[in-house]
Structures are given as structure tokens and as C-alpha cells.
């Protein structure tokens, strides 16, 4: 006999949303880093080595992290609400 409790069967909509969220949490940071690298190359060498460039880069990364977090938790909160209501 196994002492494991059976896993609840996920609702199709929630399962689909979680799979989509999983892929977005993989792809979005990679795309963001690619955009940052492209911007760094366009702005030229030395820009990210100066303190104004560093401050700008840190600000862009902070805003990107905040936006990413808001989107992820914006998707998770309704899923959690639907799960609790069931």
C-alpha cells in the first residue's frame, strides 16, 4: 500500500493556463535579456560601463522584474480563486 495521497485532477482551463504560464516564464526573461543585449550593442561600447549607463540599466532591469512579477501573479491570483471556489 502506498501512503501517498492522490493528486486532485486539475480543471482543464486551469491546467491549460498553468502550461501557458510555464512557457511564458521561460520565454519572457530570455526575450528581455536579448532586448537588453541588443540595446547595449546599439548604444555603443562604454555606455554600460559609465555610472549613468549602469544606473539606467539597473532601472530597466528593476522595471522589467516588477512587470514580470505583476504579470505572473496577475495570472496566478485568478487561478487560485477558481481553485478555492471549487
PDB file of N, CA and C in Angstrom:
ATOM      1  N   UNK A   1       0.830  -1.183   0.000  1.00  0.00           N
ATOM      2  CA  UNK A   1       0.000   0.000   0.000  1.00  0.00           C
ATOM      3  C   UNK A   1       0.871   1.241   0.000  1.00  0.00           C
ATOM      4  N   UNK A   2       0.466   2.181  -0.739  1.00  0.00           N
ATOM      5  CA  UNK A   2       1.194   3.437  -0.826  1.00  0.00           C
ATOM      6  C   UNK A   2       0.577   4.448   0.126  1.00  0.00           C
ATOM      7  N   UNK A   3       1.430   5.214   0.795  1.00  0.00           N
ATOM      8  CA  UNK A   3       0.933   6.223   1.736  1.00  0.00           C
ATOM      9  C   UNK A   3       0.704   7.568   1.067  1.00  0.00           C
ATOM     10  N   UNK A   4       0.926   7.626  -0.244  1.00  0.00           N
ATOM     11  CA  UNK A   4       0.733   8.880  -0.954  1.00  0.00           C
ATOM     12  C   UNK A   4      -0.747   9.172  -1.121  1.00  0.00           C
ATOM     13  N   UNK A   5      -1.092  10.446  -0.961  1.00  0.00           N
ATOM     14  CA  UNK A   5      -2.470  10.843  -1.195  1.00  0.00           C
ATOM     15  C   UNK A   5      -2.638  11.112  -2.685  1.00  0.00           C
ATOM     16  N   UNK A   6      -3.790  10.778  -3.234  1.00  0.00           N
ATOM     17  CA  UNK A   6      -3.984  11.001  -4.664  1.00  0.00           C
ATOM     18  C   UNK A   6      -4.000  12.496  -4.981  1.00  0.00           C
ATOM     19  N   UNK A   7      -3.424  12.825  -6.116  1.00  0.00           N
ATOM     20  CA  UNK A   7      -3.399  14.214  -6.580  1.00  0.00           C
ATOM     21  C   UNK A   7      -4.756  14.580  -7.138  1.00  0.00           C
ATOM     22  N   UNK A   8      -5.264  15.770  -6.789  1.00  0.00           N
ATOM     23  CA  UNK A   8      -6.545  16.165  -7.379  1.00  0.00           C
ATOM     24  C   UNK A   8      -6.401  16.375  -8.886  1.00  0.00           C
ATOM     25  N   UNK A   9      -7.432  16.051  -9.595  1.00  0.00           N
ATOM     26  CA  UNK A   9      -7.420  16.215 -11.046  1.00  0.00           C
ATOM     27  C   UNK A   9      -7.638  17.689 -11.359  1.00  0.00           C
ATOM     28  N   UNK A  10      -6.697  18.331 -12.085  1.00  0.00           N
ATOM     29  CA  UNK A  10      -6.863  19.746 -12.394  1.00  0.00           C
ATOM     30  C   UNK A  10      -7.967  19.972 -13.412  1.00  0.00           C
ATOM     31  N   UNK A  11      -8.599  21.113 -13.289  1.00  0.00           N
ATOM     32  CA  UNK A  11      -9.610  21.501 -14.255  1.00  0.00           C
ATOM     33  C   UNK A  11      -8.902  21.859 -15.550  1.00  0.00           C
ATOM     34  N   UNK A  12      -9.505  21.537 -16.691  1.00  0.00           N
ATOM     35  CA  UNK A  12      -8.849  21.716 -17.994  1.00  0.00           C
ATOM     36  C   UNK A  12      -8.389  23.157 -18.200  1.00  0.00           C
ATOM     37  N   UNK A  13      -9.203  24.136 -17.860  1.00  0.00           N
ATOM     38  CA  UNK A  13      -8.834  25.538 -18.065  1.00  0.00           C
ATOM     39  C   UNK A  13      -7.656  25.943 -17.213  1.00  0.00           C
ATOM     40  N   UNK A  14      -7.638  25.506 -15.983  1.00  0.00           N
ATOM     41  CA  UNK A  14      -6.541  25.847 -15.077  1.00  0.00           C
ATOM     42  C   UNK A  14      -5.255  25.175 -15.547  1.00  0.00           C
ATOM     43  N   UNK A  15      -5.354  23.923 -15.938  1.00  0.00           N
ATOM     44  CA  UNK A  15      -4.178  23.196 -16.427  1.00  0.00           C
ATOM     45  C   UNK A  15      -3.599  23.874 -17.658  1.00  0.00           C
ATOM     46  N   UNK A  16      -4.458  24.291 -18.591  1.00  0.00           N
ATOM     47  CA  UNK A  16      -4.011  24.974 -19.805  1.00  0.00           C
ATOM     48  C   UNK A  16      -3.344  26.304 -19.450  1.00  0.00           C
ATOM     49  N   UNK A  17      -3.950  27.060 -18.530  1.00  0.00           N
ATOM     50  CA  UNK A  17      -3.382  28.352 -18.123  1.00  0.00           C
ATOM     51  C   UNK A  17      -2.024  28.180 -17.461  1.00  0.00           C
ATOM     52  N   UNK A  18      -1.877  27.135 -16.648  1.00  0.00           N
ATOM     53  CA  UNK A  18      -0.589  26.900 -15.994  1.00  0.00           C
ATOM     54  C   UNK A  18       0.491  26.497 -16.989  1.00  0.00           C
ATOM     55  N   UNK A  19       0.122  25.713 -17.993  1.00  0.00           N
ATOM     56  CA  UNK A  19       1.100  25.347 -19.025  1.00  0.00           C
ATOM     57  C   UNK A  19       1.541  26.578 -19.800  1.00  0.00           C
ATOM     58  N   UNK A  20       0.573  27.443 -20.133  1.00  0.00           N
ATOM     59  CA  UNK A  20       0.901  28.672 -20.850  1.00  0.00           C
ATOM     60  C   UNK A  20       1.791  29.567 -19.985  1.00  0.00           C
ATOM     61  N   UNK A  21       1.461  29.662 -18.707  1.00  0.00           N
ATOM     62  CA  UNK A  21       2.262  30.469 -17.784  1.00  0.00           C
ATOM     63  C   UNK A  21       3.678  29.922 -17.677  1.00  0.00           C
ATOM     64  N   UNK A  22       3.809  28.614 -17.640  1.00  0.00           N
ATOM     65  CA  UNK A  22       5.136  27.987 -17.567  1.00  0.00           C
ATOM     66  C   UNK A  22       6.000  28.415 -18.751  1.00  0.00           C
ATOM     67  N   UNK A  23       5.437  28.362 -19.959  1.00  0.00           N
ATOM     68  CA  UNK A  23       6.209  28.735 -21.131  1.00  0.00           C
ATOM     69  C   UNK A  23       6.527  30.223 -21.152  1.00  0.00           C
ATOM     70  N   UNK A  24       5.596  31.048 -20.712  1.00  0.00           N
ATOM     71  CA  UNK A  24       5.873  32.489 -20.661  1.00  0.00           C
ATOM     72  C   UNK A  24       6.957  32.812 -19.643  1.00  0.00           C
ATOM     73  N   UNK A  25       6.994  32.082 -18.532  1.00  0.00           N
ATOM     74  CA  UNK A  25       8.037  32.349 -17.531  1.00  0.00           C
ATOM     75  C   UNK A  25       9.408  31.876 -17.996  1.00  0.00           C
ATOM     76  N   UNK A  26       9.448  31.047 -19.017  1.00  0.00           N
ATOM     77  CA  UNK A  26      10.721  30.650 -19.608  1.00  0.00           C
ATOM     78  C   UNK A  26      11.116  31.629 -20.720  1.00  0.00           C
ATOM     79  N   UNK A  27      10.173  31.930 -21.600  1.00  0.00           N
ATOM     80  CA  UNK A  27      10.474  32.743 -22.777  1.00  0.00           C
ATOM     81  C   UNK A  27      10.640  34.240 -22.474  1.00  0.00           C
ATOM     82  N   UNK A  28       9.811  34.785 -21.610  1.00  0.00           N
ATOM     83  CA  UNK A  28       9.840  36.232 -21.360  1.00  0.00           C
ATOM     84  C   UNK A  28      11.198  36.716 -20.843  1.00  0.00           C
ATOM     85  N   UNK A  29      11.804  36.068 -19.839  1.00  0.00           N
ATOM     86  CA  UNK A  29      13.118  36.541 -19.401  1.00  0.00           C
ATOM     87  C   UNK A  29      14.197  36.429 -20.479  1.00  0.00           C
ATOM     88  N   UNK A  30      14.134  35.365 -21.280  1.00  0.00           N
ATOM     89  CA  UNK A  30      15.119  35.208 -22.353  1.00  0.00           C
ATOM     90  C   UNK A  30      14.961  36.336 -23.377  1.00  0.00           C
ATOM     91  N   UNK A  31      13.730  36.628 -23.761  1.00  0.00           N
ATOM     92  CA  UNK A  31      13.485  37.716 -24.711  1.00  0.00           C
ATOM     93  C   UNK A  31      13.905  39.058 -24.128  1.00  0.00           C
ATOM     94  N   UNK A  32      13.634  39.269 -22.856  1.00  0.00           N
ATOM     95  CA  UNK A  32      14.023  40.509 -22.186  1.00  0.00           C
ATOM     96  C   UNK A  32      15.545  40.680 -22.204  1.00  0.00           C
ATOM     97  N   UNK A  33      16.264  39.616 -21.895  1.00  0.00           N
ATOM     98  CA  UNK A  33      17.729  39.687 -21.914  1.00  0.00           C
ATOM     99  C   UNK A  33      18.265  39.917 -23.326  1.00  0.00           C
ATOM    100  N   UNK A  34      17.614  39.327 -24.312  1.00  0.00           N
ATOM    101  CA  UNK A  34      18.034  39.557 -25.693  1.00  0.00           C
ATOM    102  C   UNK A  34      17.827  41.021 -26.086  1.00  0.00           C
ATOM    103  N   UNK A  35      16.712  41.605 -25.668  1.00  0.00           N
ATOM    104  CA  UNK A  35      16.462  43.026 -25.941  1.00  0.00           C
ATOM    105  C   UNK A  35      17.476  43.916 -25.236  1.00  0.00           C
ATOM    106  N   UNK A  36      17.810  43.584 -23.991  1.00  0.00           N
ATOM    107  CA  UNK A  36      18.816  44.360 -23.267  1.00  0.00           C
ATOM    108  C   UNK A  36      20.169  44.295 -23.969  1.00  0.00           C
ATOM    109  N   UNK A  37      20.528  43.118 -24.415  1.00  0.00           N
ATOM    110  CA  UNK A  37      21.810  42.958 -25.106  1.00  0.00           C
ATOM    111  C   UNK A  37      21.813  43.725 -26.423  1.00  0.00           C
ATOM    112  N   UNK A  38      20.709  43.679 -27.164  1.00  0.00           N
ATOM    113  CA  UNK A  38      20.615  44.429 -28.412  1.00  0.00           C
ATOM    114  C   UNK A  38      20.722  45.930 -28.148  1.00  0.00           C
ATOM    115  N   UNK A  39      20.051  46.413 -27.124  1.00  0.00           N
ATOM    116  CA  UNK A  39      20.116  47.842 -26.783  1.00  0.00           C
ATOM    117  C   UNK A  39      21.538  48.227 -26.377  1.00  0.00           C
ATOM    118  N   UNK A  40      22.200  47.373 -25.621  1.00  0.00           N
ATOM    119  CA  UNK A  40      23.571  47.658 -25.194  1.00  0.00           C
ATOM    120  C   UNK A  40      24.499  47.773 -26.400  1.00  0.00           C
ATOM    121  N   UNK A  41      24.329  46.902 -27.367  1.00  0.00           N
ATOM    122  CA  UNK A  41      25.172  46.948 -28.566  1.00  0.00           C
ATOM    123  C   UNK A  41      24.861  48.169 -29.428  1.00  0.00           C
ATOM    124  N   UNK A  42      23.586  48.541 -29.503  1.00  0.00           N
ATOM    125  CA  UNK A  42      23.196  49.704 -30.300  1.00  0.00           C
ATOM    126  C   UNK A  42      23.725  50.990 -29.670  1.00  0.00           C
ATOM    127  N   UNK A  43      23.649  51.081 -28.341  1.00  0.00           N
ATOM    128  CA  UNK A  43      24.089  52.293 -27.654  1.00  0.00           C
ATOM    129  C   UNK A  43      25.604  52.461 -27.701  1.00  0.00           C
ATOM    130  N   UNK A  44      26.290  51.409 -27.987  1.00  0.00           N
ATOM    131  CA  UNK A  44      27.733  51.516 -28.169  1.00  0.00           C
ATOM    132  C   UNK A  44      28.523  51.074 -26.959  1.00  0.00           C
ATOM    133  N   UNK A  45      29.794  50.806 -27.203  1.00  0.00           N
ATOM    134  CA  UNK A  45      30.655  50.364 -26.103  1.00  0.00           C
ATOM    135  C   UNK A  45      30.883  51.502 -25.112  1.00  0.00           C
ATOM    136  N   UNK A  46      31.006  51.126 -23.888  1.00  0.00           N
ATOM    137  CA  UNK A  46      31.290  52.107 -22.851  1.00  0.00           C
ATOM    138  C   UNK A  46      30.059  52.667 -22.181  1.00  0.00           C
ATOM    139  N   UNK A  47      28.897  52.576 -22.848  1.00  0.00           N
ATOM    140  CA  UNK A  47      27.695  53.144 -22.227  1.00  0.00           C
ATOM    141  C   UNK A  47      27.352  52.426 -20.933  1.00  0.00           C
ATOM    142  N   UNK A  48      27.381  51.104 -20.964  1.00  0.00           N
ATOM    143  CA  UNK A  48      27.036  50.346 -19.756  1.00  0.00           C
ATOM    144  C   UNK A  48      28.179  50.310 -18.743  1.00  0.00           C
ATOM    145  N   UNK A  49      29.329  50.852 -19.108  1.00  0.00           N
ATOM    146  CA  UNK A  49      30.450  50.903 -18.170  1.00  0.00           C
ATOM    147  C   UNK A  49      30.499  52.228 -17.420  1.00  0.00           C
ATOM    148  N   UNK A  50      29.738  53.229 -17.874  1.00  0.00           N
ATOM    149  CA  UNK A  50      29.685  54.518 -17.173  1.00  0.00           C
ATOM    150  C   UNK A  50      28.618  54.433 -16.085  1.00  0.00           C
ATOM    151  N   UNK A  51      28.730  55.282 -15.063  1.00  0.00           N
ATOM    152  CA  UNK A  51      27.747  55.191 -13.985  1.00  0.00           C
ATOM    153  C   UNK A  51      26.348  55.579 -14.445  1.00  0.00           C
ATOM    154  N   UNK A  52      26.148  56.555 -15.337  1.00  0.00           N
ATOM    155  CA  UNK A  52      24.770  56.802 -15.800  1.00  0.00           C
ATOM    156  C   UNK A  52      24.201  55.605 -16.571  1.00  0.00           C
ATOM    157  N   UNK A  53      25.032  54.956 -17.363  1.00  0.00           N
ATOM    158  CA  UNK A  53      24.584  53.776 -18.094  1.00  0.00           C
ATOM    159  C   UNK A  53      24.240  52.640 -17.152  1.00  0.00           C
ATOM    160  N   UNK A  54      25.054  52.490 -16.124  1.00  0.00           N
ATOM    161  CA  UNK A  54      24.798  51.432 -15.144  1.00  0.00           C
ATOM    162  C   UNK A  54      23.488  51.695 -14.401  1.00  0.00           C
ATOM    163  N   UNK A  55      23.259  52.951 -14.009  1.00  0.00           N
ATOM    164  CA  UNK A  55      22.022  53.307 -13.301  1.00  0.00           C
ATOM    165  C   UNK A  55      20.815  53.074 -14.214  1.00  0.00           C
ATOM    166  N   UNK A  56      20.937  53.461 -15.479  1.00  0.00           N
ATOM    167  CA  UNK A  56      19.848  53.238 -16.433  1.00  0.00           C
ATOM    168  C   UNK A  56      19.582  51.753 -16.609  1.00  0.00           C
ATOM    169  N   UNK A  57      20.629  50.981 -16.762  1.00  0.00           N
ATOM    170  CA  UNK A  57      20.477  49.531 -16.912  1.00  0.00           C
ATOM    171  C   UNK A  57      19.820  48.914 -15.681  1.00  0.00           C
ATOM    172  N   UNK A  58      20.257  49.326 -14.500  1.00  0.00           N
ATOM    173  CA  UNK A  58      19.659  48.805 -13.259  1.00  0.00           C
ATOM    174  C   UNK A  58      18.183  49.173 -13.181  1.00  0.00           C
ATOM    175  N   UNK A  59      17.842  50.392 -13.592  1.00  0.00           N
ATOM    176  CA  UNK A  59      16.437  50.808 -13.588  1.00  0.00           C
ATOM    177  C   UNK A  59      15.590  50.003 -14.553  1.00  0.00           C
ATOM    178  N   UNK A  60      16.115  49.761 -15.743  1.00  0.00           N
ATOM    179  CA  UNK A  60      15.383  48.966 -16.737  1.00  0.00           C
ATOM    180  C   UNK A  60      15.180  47.542 -16.234  1.00  0.00           C
ATOM    181  N   UNK A  61      16.210  46.973 -15.630  1.00  0.00           N
ATOM    182  CA  UNK A  61      16.092  45.608 -15.090  1.00  0.00           C
ATOM    183  C   UNK A  61      15.073  45.575 -13.949  1.00  0.00           C
ATOM    184  N   UNK A  62      15.089  46.570 -13.074  1.00  0.00           N
ATOM    185  CA  UNK A  62      14.136  46.615 -11.958  1.00  0.00           C
ATOM    186  C   UNK A  62      12.702  46.743 -12.476  1.00  0.00           C
ATOM    187  N   UNK A  63      12.493  47.602 -13.458  1.00  0.00           N
ATOM    188  CA  UNK A  63      11.150  47.757 -14.030  1.00  0.00           C
ATOM    189  C   UNK A  63      10.716  46.470 -14.729  1.00  0.00           C
ATOM    190  N   UNK A  64      11.633  45.834 -15.429  1.00  0.00           N
ATOM    191  CA  UNK A  64      11.318  44.567 -16.079  1.00  0.00           C
ATOM    192  C   UNK A  64      10.953  43.482 -15.079  1.00  0.00           C
ATOM    193  N   UNK A  65      11.694  43.412 -13.972  1.00  0.00           N
ATOM    194  CA  UNK A  65      11.397  42.414 -12.939  1.00  0.00           C
ATOM    195  C   UNK A  65      10.039  42.680 -12.299  1.00  0.00           C
ATOM    196  N   UNK A  66       9.748  43.954 -12.050  1.00  0.00           N
ATOM    197  CA  UNK A  66       8.451  44.316 -11.467  1.00  0.00           C
ATOM    198  C   UNK A  66       7.316  43.951 -12.418  1.00  0.00           C
ATOM    199  N   UNK A  67       7.461  44.293 -13.686  1.00  0.00           N
ATOM    200  CA  UNK A  67       6.425  43.970 -14.670  1.00  0.00           C
ATOM    201  C   UNK A  67       6.230  42.460 -14.788  1.00  0.00           C
ATOM    202  N   UNK A  68       7.321  41.720 -14.818  1.00  0.00           N
ATOM    203  CA  UNK A  68       7.248  40.263 -14.909  1.00  0.00           C
ATOM    204  C   UNK A  68       6.506  39.685 -13.701  1.00  0.00           C
ATOM    205  N   UNK A  69       6.846  40.161 -12.528  1.00  0.00           N
ATOM    206  CA  UNK A  69       6.195  39.691 -11.304  1.00  0.00           C
ATOM    207  C   UNK A  69       4.704  40.012 -11.311  1.00  0.00           C
ATOM    208  N   UNK A  70       4.350  41.214 -11.726  1.00  0.00           N
ATOM    209  CA  UNK A  70       2.937  41.606 -11.777  1.00  0.00           C
ATOM    210  C   UNK A  70       2.157  40.727 -12.741  1.00  0.00           C
ATOM    211  N   UNK A  71       2.731  40.425 -13.888  1.00  0.00           N
ATOM    212  CA  UNK A  71       2.042  39.589 -14.868  1.00  0.00           C
ATOM    213  C   UNK A  71       1.860  38.172 -14.328  1.00  0.00           C
ATOM    214  N   UNK A  72       2.924  37.604 -13.778  1.00  0.00           N
ATOM    215  CA  UNK A  72       2.842  36.226 -13.273  1.00  0.00           C
ATOM    216  C   UNK A  72       1.807  36.128 -12.148  1.00  0.00           C
ATOM    217  N   UNK A  73       1.874  37.030 -11.183  1.00  0.00           N
ATOM    218  CA  UNK A  73       0.919  36.955 -10.081  1.00  0.00           C
ATOM    219  C   UNK A  73      -0.473  37.394 -10.509  1.00  0.00           C
ATOM    220  N   UNK A  74      -0.569  38.200 -11.560  1.00  0.00           N
ATOM    221  CA  UNK A  74      -1.869  38.540 -12.117  1.00  0.00           C
ATOM    222  C   UNK A  74      -2.556  37.341 -12.747  1.00  0.00           C
ATOM    223  N   UNK A  75      -1.777  36.399 -13.237  1.00  0.00           N
ATOM    224  CA  UNK A  75      -2.334  35.163 -13.791  1.00  0.00           C
ATOM    225  C   UNK A  75      -2.619  34.161 -12.671  1.00  0.00           C
ATOM    226  N   UNK A  76      -1.734  34.087 -11.691  1.00  0.00           N
ATOM    227  CA  UNK A  76      -1.881  33.095 -10.625  1.00  0.00           C
ATOM    228  C   UNK A  76      -3.062  33.406  -9.706  1.00  0.00           C
ATOM    229  N   UNK A  77      -3.301  34.669  -9.386  1.00  0.00           N
ATOM    230  CA  UNK A  77      -4.360  35.035  -8.442  1.00  0.00           C
ATOM    231  C   UNK A  77      -5.743  34.548  -8.893  1.00  0.00           C
ATOM    232  N   UNK A  78      -6.161  34.799 -10.143  1.00  0.00           N
ATOM    233  CA  UNK A  78      -7.477  34.272 -10.552  1.00  0.00           C
ATOM    234  C   UNK A  78      -7.528  32.747 -10.571  1.00  0.00           C
ATOM    235  N   UNK A  79      -6.412  32.112 -10.923  1.00  0.00           N
ATOM    236  CA  UNK A  79      -6.377  30.651 -10.898  1.00  0.00           C
ATOM    237  C   UNK A  79      -6.565  30.136  -9.482  1.00  0.00           C
ATOM    238  N   UNK A  80      -5.926  30.798  -8.544  1.00  0.00           N
ATOM    239  CA  UNK A  80      -6.076  30.413  -7.142  1.00  0.00           C
ATOM    240  C   UNK A  80      -7.512  30.622  -6.686  1.00  0.00           C
ATOM    241  N   UNK A  81      -8.116  31.730  -7.077  1.00  0.00           N
ATOM    242  CA  UNK A  81      -9.514  31.993  -6.704  1.00  0.00           C
ATOM    243  C   UNK A  81     -10.446  30.924  -7.255  1.00  0.00           C
ATOM    244  N   UNK A  82     -10.237  30.543  -8.533  1.00  0.00           N
ATOM    245  CA  UNK A  82     -11.074  29.499  -9.118  1.00  0.00           C
ATOM    246  C   UNK A  82     -10.882  28.163  -8.411  1.00  0.00           C
ATOM    247  N   UNK A  83      -9.636  27.871  -8.029  1.00  0.00           N
ATOM    248  CA  UNK A  83      -9.360  26.603  -7.331  1.00  0.00           C
ATOM    249  C   UNK A  83     -10.017  26.595  -5.967  1.00  0.00           C
ATOM    250  N   UNK A  84      -9.964  27.710  -5.252  1.00  0.00           N
ATOM    251  CA  UNK A  84     -10.571  27.781  -3.918  1.00  0.00           C
ATOM    252  C   UNK A  84     -12.091  27.644  -4.008  1.00  0.00           C
ATOM    253  N   UNK A  85     -12.695  28.212  -5.032  1.00  0.00           N
ATOM    254  CA  UNK A  85     -14.155  28.153  -5.188  1.00  0.00           C
ATOM    255  C   UNK A  85     -14.656  26.753  -5.512  1.00  0.00           C
ATOM    256  N   UNK A  86     -13.800  25.902  -6.017  1.00  0.00           N
ATOM    257  CA  UNK A  86     -14.251  24.548  -6.409  1.00  0.00           C
ATOM    258  C   UNK A  86     -14.399  23.633  -5.242  1.00  0.00           C
TER     259      UNK A  86
END
